Protein backbone atom coordinates (compact mmCIF):
# COMPACT_ATOMS: atom_id res chain seq x y z
CA MET A 1 106.72 72.32 71.70
CA ALA A 2 103.50 71.01 73.21
CA MET A 3 101.03 73.73 74.13
CA TYR A 4 98.01 71.69 75.16
CA PRO A 5 97.33 70.33 78.64
CA GLN A 6 98.03 66.71 79.37
CA GLN A 7 95.14 64.56 80.40
CA PRO A 8 95.42 63.88 84.13
CA PRO A 9 94.89 60.43 85.57
CA SER A 10 91.41 58.97 85.34
CA GLY A 11 88.90 60.19 87.86
CA LEU A 12 88.07 63.76 88.76
CA PRO A 13 90.56 65.44 91.07
CA ASP A 14 89.32 67.30 94.12
CA ASP A 15 87.86 70.59 92.94
CA PRO A 16 87.71 73.68 95.19
CA TYR A 17 84.37 74.62 93.70
CA ARG A 18 82.84 71.34 94.82
CA GLY A 19 84.82 70.13 97.79
CA THR A 20 86.49 71.21 100.96
CA PRO A 21 90.09 72.41 101.22
CA GLY A 22 92.63 69.63 100.84
CA PRO A 23 95.71 68.94 102.96
CA LEU A 24 98.67 71.30 102.67
CA PRO A 25 101.27 69.81 100.30
CA GLN A 26 104.89 69.90 101.34
CA GLN A 27 105.85 72.34 98.57
CA ALA A 28 102.85 74.66 98.94
CA ASN A 29 105.09 77.31 100.52
CA PRO A 30 108.08 77.60 98.17
CA SER A 31 109.18 80.85 99.83
CA TRP A 32 108.28 83.18 102.67
CA MET A 33 106.45 85.48 100.22
CA GLY A 34 103.48 83.21 99.59
CA HIS A 35 102.99 81.52 102.94
CA VAL A 36 99.69 79.63 103.07
CA GLN A 37 97.85 78.55 106.18
CA PRO A 38 96.86 74.85 106.07
CA GLU A 39 93.19 75.63 106.63
CA HIS A 40 93.13 77.86 103.54
CA TYR A 41 94.76 75.49 101.09
CA ARG A 42 92.60 73.94 98.38
CA LEU A 43 93.46 72.05 95.23
CA ALA A 44 93.35 73.72 91.84
CA PRO A 45 90.21 73.00 89.78
CA GLY A 46 90.52 69.98 87.49
CA HIS A 47 90.53 70.16 83.73
CA GLN A 48 90.14 66.60 82.38
CA GLY A 49 89.92 67.92 78.82
CA GLN A 50 86.42 69.32 79.42
CA PRO A 51 85.23 72.94 79.24
CA LEU A 52 85.59 74.63 82.61
CA ALA A 53 81.85 75.33 82.75
CA VAL A 54 81.29 71.59 82.94
CA MET A 55 83.68 71.26 85.84
CA ALA A 56 82.04 73.89 88.05
CA PRO A 57 78.52 73.86 89.53
CA ALA A 58 75.92 76.48 88.81
CA ARG A 59 76.53 78.42 92.02
CA ALA A 60 80.14 79.09 91.02
CA THR A 61 79.13 79.92 87.45
CA ALA A 62 76.78 82.61 88.73
CA LEU A 63 79.66 84.44 90.37
CA GLN A 64 81.25 86.97 88.06
CA ALA A 65 84.66 88.41 88.75
CA PRO A 66 84.46 92.20 88.80
CA ARG A 67 85.53 94.02 85.70
CA THR A 68 88.72 95.90 86.43
CA ARG A 69 89.20 97.71 83.11
CA GLY A 70 86.58 100.33 83.90
CA GLY A 71 88.08 100.87 87.33
CA LEU A 72 91.55 101.37 85.85
CA VAL A 73 90.19 103.87 83.35
CA GLY A 74 88.38 105.74 86.12
CA LEU A 75 91.49 105.84 88.27
CA SER A 76 93.57 107.07 85.32
CA VAL A 77 91.06 109.78 84.46
CA ALA A 78 90.82 110.92 88.07
CA GLY A 79 94.60 110.95 88.36
CA GLY A 80 94.91 112.91 85.13
CA ILE A 81 92.42 115.52 86.34
CA LEU A 82 94.20 115.87 89.69
CA ALA A 83 97.54 116.17 87.94
CA PHE A 84 96.18 118.82 85.56
CA LEU A 85 94.77 120.87 88.42
CA SER A 86 98.00 120.51 90.36
CA LEU A 87 99.95 122.03 87.50
CA PHE A 88 98.24 125.37 88.14
CA LEU A 89 100.08 125.44 91.46
CA VAL A 90 103.28 123.58 90.58
CA VAL A 91 104.24 125.28 87.29
CA PRO A 92 103.92 128.88 88.59
CA PHE A 93 105.96 127.87 91.65
CA LEU A 94 108.71 126.44 89.45
CA LEU A 95 108.75 129.41 87.09
CA SER A 96 108.92 131.91 89.96
CA ASN A 97 112.01 130.14 91.31
CA THR A 98 113.80 129.29 88.07
CA GLY A 99 112.70 131.70 85.39
CA ALA A 100 111.69 130.58 81.91
CA ALA A 101 115.20 129.66 80.77
CA GLY A 102 116.03 127.85 84.00
CA PHE A 103 112.74 125.97 83.84
CA LEU A 104 113.36 124.77 80.28
CA ILE A 105 116.96 123.71 80.85
CA GLY A 106 116.07 122.17 84.21
CA PHE A 107 113.26 120.22 82.57
CA LEU A 108 115.58 118.78 79.93
CA ALA A 109 118.33 117.97 82.44
CA SER A 110 115.82 116.27 84.75
CA LEU A 111 114.91 113.80 82.03
CA VAL A 112 118.27 112.06 82.48
CA PRO A 113 117.89 110.86 86.12
CA LEU A 114 114.20 110.20 85.40
CA ALA A 115 115.17 107.84 82.57
CA VAL A 116 117.52 105.99 84.92
CA VAL A 117 114.79 105.46 87.52
CA LEU A 118 112.16 104.42 84.97
CA ALA A 119 114.64 101.99 83.40
CA ALA A 120 115.05 100.39 86.83
CA VAL A 121 111.26 100.23 87.19
CA HIS A 122 111.04 98.47 83.83
CA ILE A 123 113.62 95.88 84.87
CA ILE A 124 111.94 95.22 88.23
CA ASP A 125 108.50 95.01 86.62
CA ARG A 126 109.38 92.63 83.77
CA TRP A 127 108.14 89.45 85.45
CA GLU A 128 104.59 90.68 85.97
CA PRO A 129 104.18 94.05 84.19
CA GLU A 130 101.72 96.42 85.83
CA PRO A 131 98.99 98.04 83.70
CA LYS A 132 100.32 101.14 81.97
CA ARG A 133 97.34 103.13 83.23
CA LEU A 134 98.40 102.50 86.83
CA LEU A 135 102.00 103.40 86.10
CA PHE A 136 100.75 106.59 84.45
CA PHE A 137 98.70 107.37 87.54
CA ALA A 138 101.72 106.72 89.76
CA PHE A 139 104.02 108.95 87.74
CA THR A 140 101.58 111.86 87.45
CA TRP A 141 100.80 111.59 91.15
CA GLY A 142 104.48 111.87 91.97
CA ALA A 143 105.33 114.58 89.44
CA ALA A 144 102.34 116.86 90.04
CA VAL A 145 99.86 115.90 92.76
CA SER A 146 102.35 115.03 95.51
CA VAL A 147 104.31 118.21 94.77
CA ALA A 148 101.11 120.26 95.03
CA VAL A 149 100.19 118.54 98.32
CA THR A 150 103.67 119.34 99.64
CA LEU A 151 103.36 123.01 98.67
CA LEU A 152 99.96 123.23 100.37
CA ILE A 153 101.02 121.56 103.63
CA GLN A 154 104.51 122.88 104.23
CA PRO A 155 103.42 126.46 105.19
CA PHE A 156 101.66 125.03 108.24
CA PHE A 157 104.99 123.69 109.48
CA VAL A 158 106.49 127.16 109.19
CA PHE A 159 103.60 128.82 111.01
CA ALA A 160 103.58 126.21 113.77
CA PHE A 161 107.16 126.86 114.91
CA GLN A 162 109.21 129.96 115.65
CA PHE A 163 112.86 130.28 114.68
CA THR A 164 115.54 132.74 115.67
CA ASP A 165 117.32 132.90 112.31
CA GLU A 166 116.99 131.76 108.73
CA PRO A 167 119.66 129.00 108.86
CA ASP A 168 117.76 127.43 111.76
CA LEU A 169 114.57 127.50 109.68
CA ARG A 170 116.31 125.96 106.66
CA THR A 171 117.69 123.13 108.76
CA TYR A 172 114.24 122.45 110.19
CA MET A 173 112.60 122.50 106.75
CA ALA A 174 115.17 120.10 105.32
CA THR A 175 115.39 117.61 108.19
CA VAL A 176 111.86 117.68 109.64
CA GLN A 177 109.35 119.23 107.28
CA ALA A 178 110.61 117.69 104.01
CA PRO A 179 110.79 114.07 105.24
CA ILE A 180 107.36 114.21 106.86
CA VAL A 181 105.41 116.16 104.24
CA GLU A 182 107.05 114.81 101.09
CA GLU A 183 106.87 111.16 102.12
CA PHE A 184 103.26 111.56 103.21
CA ALA A 185 102.35 113.23 99.90
CA LYS A 186 104.09 110.59 97.78
CA SER A 187 102.82 107.61 99.78
CA LEU A 188 99.25 108.87 99.67
CA GLY A 189 99.31 107.86 96.00
CA LEU A 190 100.41 104.36 97.03
CA LEU A 191 97.47 104.11 99.42
CA ILE A 192 95.03 105.12 96.68
CA LEU A 193 96.51 102.52 94.35
CA LEU A 194 96.31 99.80 96.98
CA LEU A 195 92.69 100.55 97.83
CA ALA A 196 91.43 101.27 94.31
CA ALA A 197 93.46 98.75 92.30
CA ARG A 198 94.16 96.00 94.77
CA ARG A 199 93.90 93.28 92.13
CA GLN A 200 97.00 94.71 90.47
CA PHE A 201 98.74 95.79 93.69
CA ASP A 202 99.11 92.33 95.23
CA GLY A 203 102.63 91.99 96.59
CA PRO A 204 105.87 93.65 97.70
CA VAL A 205 107.35 93.77 94.20
CA ASP A 206 104.28 95.69 93.00
CA GLY A 207 104.68 98.02 95.97
CA VAL A 208 108.29 98.74 95.03
CA VAL A 209 107.37 99.30 91.36
CA PHE A 210 104.62 101.80 92.16
CA ALA A 211 106.72 103.51 94.85
CA PHE A 212 109.70 103.91 92.50
CA THR A 213 107.43 105.34 89.80
CA ILE A 214 105.84 107.85 92.16
CA ALA A 215 109.22 108.81 93.61
CA GLY A 216 110.71 109.13 90.14
CA GLY A 217 107.97 111.59 89.21
CA PHE A 218 108.47 113.60 92.39
CA ALA A 219 112.26 113.72 91.94
CA PHE A 220 111.74 114.80 88.31
CA THR A 221 109.80 117.90 89.36
CA GLU A 222 112.12 118.59 92.28
CA ASN A 223 115.13 118.35 89.97
CA ILE A 224 113.59 120.94 87.66
CA LEU A 225 113.48 123.26 90.66
CA TYR A 226 117.07 122.60 91.77
CA PHE A 227 118.59 122.58 88.29
CA GLY A 228 116.67 125.67 87.21
CA ARG A 229 117.49 127.51 90.41
CA ALA A 230 121.18 126.74 89.96
CA ILE A 231 121.01 128.40 86.55
CA ALA A 232 118.98 131.39 87.73
CA GLU A 233 120.91 132.15 90.94
CA SER A 234 124.49 131.09 90.22
CA PRO A 235 127.02 133.66 88.93
CA SER A 236 128.26 130.83 86.71
CA PRO A 237 125.09 129.10 85.42
CA ALA A 238 126.92 126.29 83.62
CA GLY A 239 129.14 125.52 86.61
CA GLY A 240 126.25 125.73 89.05
CA LEU A 241 124.12 123.38 86.96
CA ALA A 242 127.00 120.91 86.56
CA GLN A 243 127.58 120.78 90.31
CA VAL A 244 123.92 120.28 91.22
CA PHE A 245 123.42 117.78 88.39
CA PHE A 246 126.34 115.69 89.61
CA LEU A 247 124.97 115.65 93.17
CA ARG A 248 121.36 114.87 92.24
CA GLY A 249 121.52 113.26 88.82
CA VAL A 250 124.65 111.14 89.18
CA MET A 251 125.22 110.52 92.89
CA SER A 252 121.60 110.22 94.02
CA PRO A 253 119.04 109.53 91.25
CA PHE A 254 117.52 106.77 93.43
CA ALA A 255 117.37 108.69 96.72
CA HIS A 256 113.63 109.41 96.62
CA ALA A 257 112.95 105.98 95.13
CA ILE A 258 114.63 104.25 98.07
CA PHE A 259 112.83 106.44 100.62
CA THR A 260 109.36 105.80 99.22
CA GLY A 261 110.29 102.26 98.20
CA THR A 262 110.35 101.25 101.86
CA THR A 263 106.73 102.39 102.20
CA GLY A 264 105.80 100.50 99.04
CA LEU A 265 107.52 97.39 100.38
CA VAL A 266 105.57 97.45 103.64
CA MET A 267 102.29 98.15 101.85
CA GLY A 268 103.03 95.36 99.37
CA PHE A 269 103.31 92.84 102.20
CA ALA A 270 100.01 94.15 103.58
CA ALA A 271 98.44 93.67 100.14
CA ARG A 272 98.97 89.92 100.57
CA ARG A 273 96.52 90.04 103.49
CA TRP A 274 93.78 91.47 101.25
CA HIS A 275 92.38 93.55 104.12
CA THR A 276 91.53 97.27 104.01
CA GLY A 277 92.44 97.85 107.65
CA ALA A 278 95.84 96.22 107.17
CA SER A 279 96.44 98.36 104.09
CA ILE A 280 95.75 101.61 105.94
CA GLY A 281 97.85 100.47 108.90
CA ALA A 282 100.72 99.57 106.55
CA PHE A 283 100.53 103.08 105.07
CA PHE A 284 101.35 104.67 108.42
CA VAL A 285 103.88 102.03 109.41
CA GLY A 286 105.62 102.26 106.04
CA LEU A 287 105.98 106.03 106.38
CA LEU A 288 108.32 105.62 109.35
CA PRO A 289 111.35 104.09 107.57
CA ALA A 290 110.79 106.38 104.57
CA MET A 291 110.81 109.47 106.75
CA PHE A 292 113.82 108.22 108.69
CA LEU A 293 115.88 107.55 105.55
CA HIS A 294 114.83 110.90 104.10
CA ASN A 295 115.86 112.64 107.32
CA ARG A 296 119.25 110.92 107.36
CA TRP A 297 119.90 111.95 103.77
CA ASN A 298 118.96 115.59 104.32
CA SER A 299 120.95 115.69 107.56
CA MET A 300 124.27 115.10 105.82
CA GLY A 301 126.31 118.27 106.15
CA GLN A 302 130.00 118.99 106.01
CA GLY A 303 130.80 115.29 106.23
CA PHE A 304 128.61 114.58 103.19
CA LEU A 305 131.16 112.55 101.26
CA LEU A 306 132.05 110.31 104.20
CA ASP A 307 128.37 109.76 105.10
CA TYR A 308 127.60 109.07 101.47
CA ILE A 309 130.25 106.37 101.19
CA VAL A 310 129.80 104.80 104.62
CA VAL A 311 126.01 105.02 104.97
CA GLN A 312 124.19 105.84 101.74
CA VAL A 313 126.08 103.53 99.36
CA PRO A 314 125.50 100.48 101.61
CA ILE A 315 121.80 101.43 101.84
CA PHE A 316 121.62 101.52 98.04
CA LEU A 317 123.37 98.16 97.74
CA LEU A 318 121.03 96.71 100.37
CA ALA A 319 118.05 97.98 98.35
CA VAL A 320 119.39 96.35 95.19
CA GLY A 321 119.95 93.07 97.01
CA GLY A 322 116.48 93.24 98.56
CA ILE A 323 114.84 93.77 95.17
CA ILE A 324 116.72 90.81 93.70
CA PHE A 325 115.64 88.72 96.69
CA LEU A 326 112.01 89.73 96.12
CA ARG A 327 112.19 88.89 92.43
CA VAL A 328 113.58 85.42 93.14
CA ALA A 329 110.83 84.75 95.70
CA GLU A 330 108.18 85.99 93.26
CA LYS A 331 109.42 83.63 90.54
CA ARG A 332 109.46 80.66 92.91
CA LEU A 333 105.90 81.42 93.98
CA THR A 334 104.72 81.68 90.37
CA ARG A 335 106.33 78.34 89.53
CA GLN A 336 104.75 76.56 92.50
CA ARG A 337 101.25 77.86 91.81
CA LEU A 338 101.50 76.85 88.14
CA LEU A 339 102.73 73.41 89.16
CA GLU A 340 99.50 73.06 91.14
CA TYR A 341 97.55 73.81 87.95
CA SER A 342 99.79 71.30 86.19
CA ALA A 343 98.76 68.65 88.71
CA ALA A 344 95.14 69.43 87.80
CA GLY A 345 95.83 68.96 84.08
CA TRP A 346 96.10 72.51 82.78
CA PHE A 347 99.82 72.46 81.96
CA THR A 348 102.51 69.85 81.56
CA PRO A 349 105.48 70.12 83.96
CA ALA A 350 107.66 71.04 80.97
CA GLU A 351 105.30 73.89 80.12
CA VAL A 352 105.52 75.19 83.68
CA GLU A 353 109.29 75.41 83.29
CA LEU A 354 108.73 77.49 80.16
CA LEU A 355 106.17 79.73 81.84
CA ALA A 356 107.78 80.20 85.25
CA THR A 357 111.52 80.52 84.67
CA VAL A 358 113.51 83.28 83.01
CA GLY A 359 115.30 80.88 80.68
CA GLY A 360 112.10 79.08 79.85
CA ARG A 361 110.35 82.33 78.95
CA ARG A 362 113.18 83.34 76.66
CA THR A 363 113.00 79.96 74.95
CA ALA A 364 109.21 80.19 74.58
CA VAL A 365 109.32 83.72 73.14
CA ALA A 366 112.10 82.78 70.72
CA TRP A 367 110.17 79.68 69.61
CA ALA A 368 107.00 81.72 69.06
CA ALA A 369 108.88 84.46 67.21
CA ARG A 370 110.05 82.00 64.57
CA SER A 371 106.44 81.30 63.68
CA GLY A 372 105.23 84.90 63.94
CA ARG A 373 103.39 84.43 67.24
CA LYS A 374 105.67 86.37 69.60
CA ARG A 375 102.89 88.75 70.70
CA GLN A 376 100.53 85.86 71.48
CA MET A 377 103.24 84.10 73.49
CA LYS A 378 103.89 87.19 75.59
CA GLN A 379 100.17 87.44 76.29
CA PHE A 380 100.16 83.77 77.28
CA LEU A 381 103.09 84.28 79.67
CA LYS A 382 101.43 87.30 81.23
CA ALA A 383 98.12 85.47 81.63
CA ALA A 384 99.86 82.51 83.31
CA THR A 385 101.55 84.84 85.81
CA GLN A 386 98.24 86.56 86.57
CA LEU A 387 96.63 83.15 87.05
CA ALA A 388 99.32 82.20 89.58
CA ASN A 389 98.69 85.44 91.47
CA THR A 390 94.95 84.80 91.49
CA ARG A 391 95.55 81.37 92.97
CA GLN A 392 97.70 82.95 95.66
CA ARG A 393 94.82 85.28 96.54
CA ILE A 394 92.49 82.25 96.74
CA LEU A 395 94.90 80.56 99.14
CA SER A 396 95.01 83.69 101.31
CA GLY A 397 91.54 82.69 102.54
CA ARG A 398 89.88 86.06 101.85
CA ASP A 399 87.05 86.61 99.34
CA VAL A 400 87.62 83.08 98.05
CA PRO A 401 84.42 82.71 95.95
CA LEU A 402 85.12 86.03 94.23
CA HIS A 403 88.67 85.06 93.38
CA GLN A 404 87.54 81.62 92.23
CA ALA A 405 85.18 83.28 89.78
CA GLU A 406 88.10 85.31 88.47
CA GLU A 407 90.16 82.11 88.30
CA ARG A 408 87.50 80.45 86.13
CA GLN A 409 87.58 83.32 83.66
CA GLN A 410 91.37 83.31 83.56
CA LEU A 411 91.51 79.56 82.96
CA GLN A 412 89.14 79.90 80.04
CA HIS A 413 91.30 82.73 78.72
CA ILE A 414 94.38 80.53 79.10
CA LEU A 415 92.82 77.94 76.81
CA SER A 416 92.16 80.51 74.06
CA LEU A 417 95.66 81.94 74.37
CA ARG A 418 97.21 78.47 74.23
CA ALA A 419 95.25 77.75 71.07
CA ALA A 420 96.46 81.01 69.51
CA VAL A 421 100.08 80.18 70.33
CA ALA A 422 99.91 76.60 69.10
CA ALA A 423 97.90 77.33 65.96
């Protein structure tokens, strides 16, 4: 299994650090996800068996890609502090509504639907895994901070409107207040991630992953409330818990994930534009379908079962199909960008098939495992995917010199990882 780049034909290929953008190849846009404007396309830097520093002029060498590790740590620490402070509001609220026994049992029962959602996140995120620190931030934001924001904002909705009876108020809170406030609170975490960690949040699949994680955290805390309340208020605690668990844990574990997932999807598309204004605009636009879906769910009444089968199940199936569609497009884009590096001499075409297809990755990992280098191979696969995403950002036409500096560092890292795998 060859793990060293082939030598390209004699003569230096066009290099984006030295030349002007080249013509747009026919296969430059393998899918709608990574559409490239002709004026932004440029060839991948050549390798020719020489160190990358030799291939790039001094002005490119002077550019240093920003260090993201410190930023991720800072974001994680800030998120942890916010989550900790939020617990002083969230935990007393839960205990006052559930009691100690209800809180404990509700907590344990809520782990089941949470595990289902996080398992889905893991499956969706397998192609390009997000940093664990960002996933931690997303979960704690959903489980604590967004709940605290909801508790702080929702009283203003009660004060702003007058109601004749309590059922009228409950209907309003469920169909108007909850969709608006809860989706705003959850999606605010998405906006922070997009603005503070935009190098990791760079597409619709990332948006769905972060949105599902935030929503899973929010639903976890909300389930503690509903499960615990069923135990505390029902004359038959076991029967009450079983009924509520079936409705929330079995029939609708992905309800919040689908609501907020639409916001993440819209914001993920905006992330491809690499523009702060577009990101903020996508936040408000993405709230609309999330709030609408949330409203439709909470508006189901006596005809719940019919609405669930006719409306909600098709929405769930559409979401599953959409995620599969996104994953296929993401894989095609990765393969095309790596083929462009292959044309510049960094990979052989056969290696691209190993790096950019599901079957190829399985073969590569199995091959490396036999020689005790499974961990190194996984790092190599991850680095190749990140390299393809960096190239996509270069071809977006925004902050090109900055992304080219990051590309240089990643290419050098690729060489060291390849050596470790092939040793």
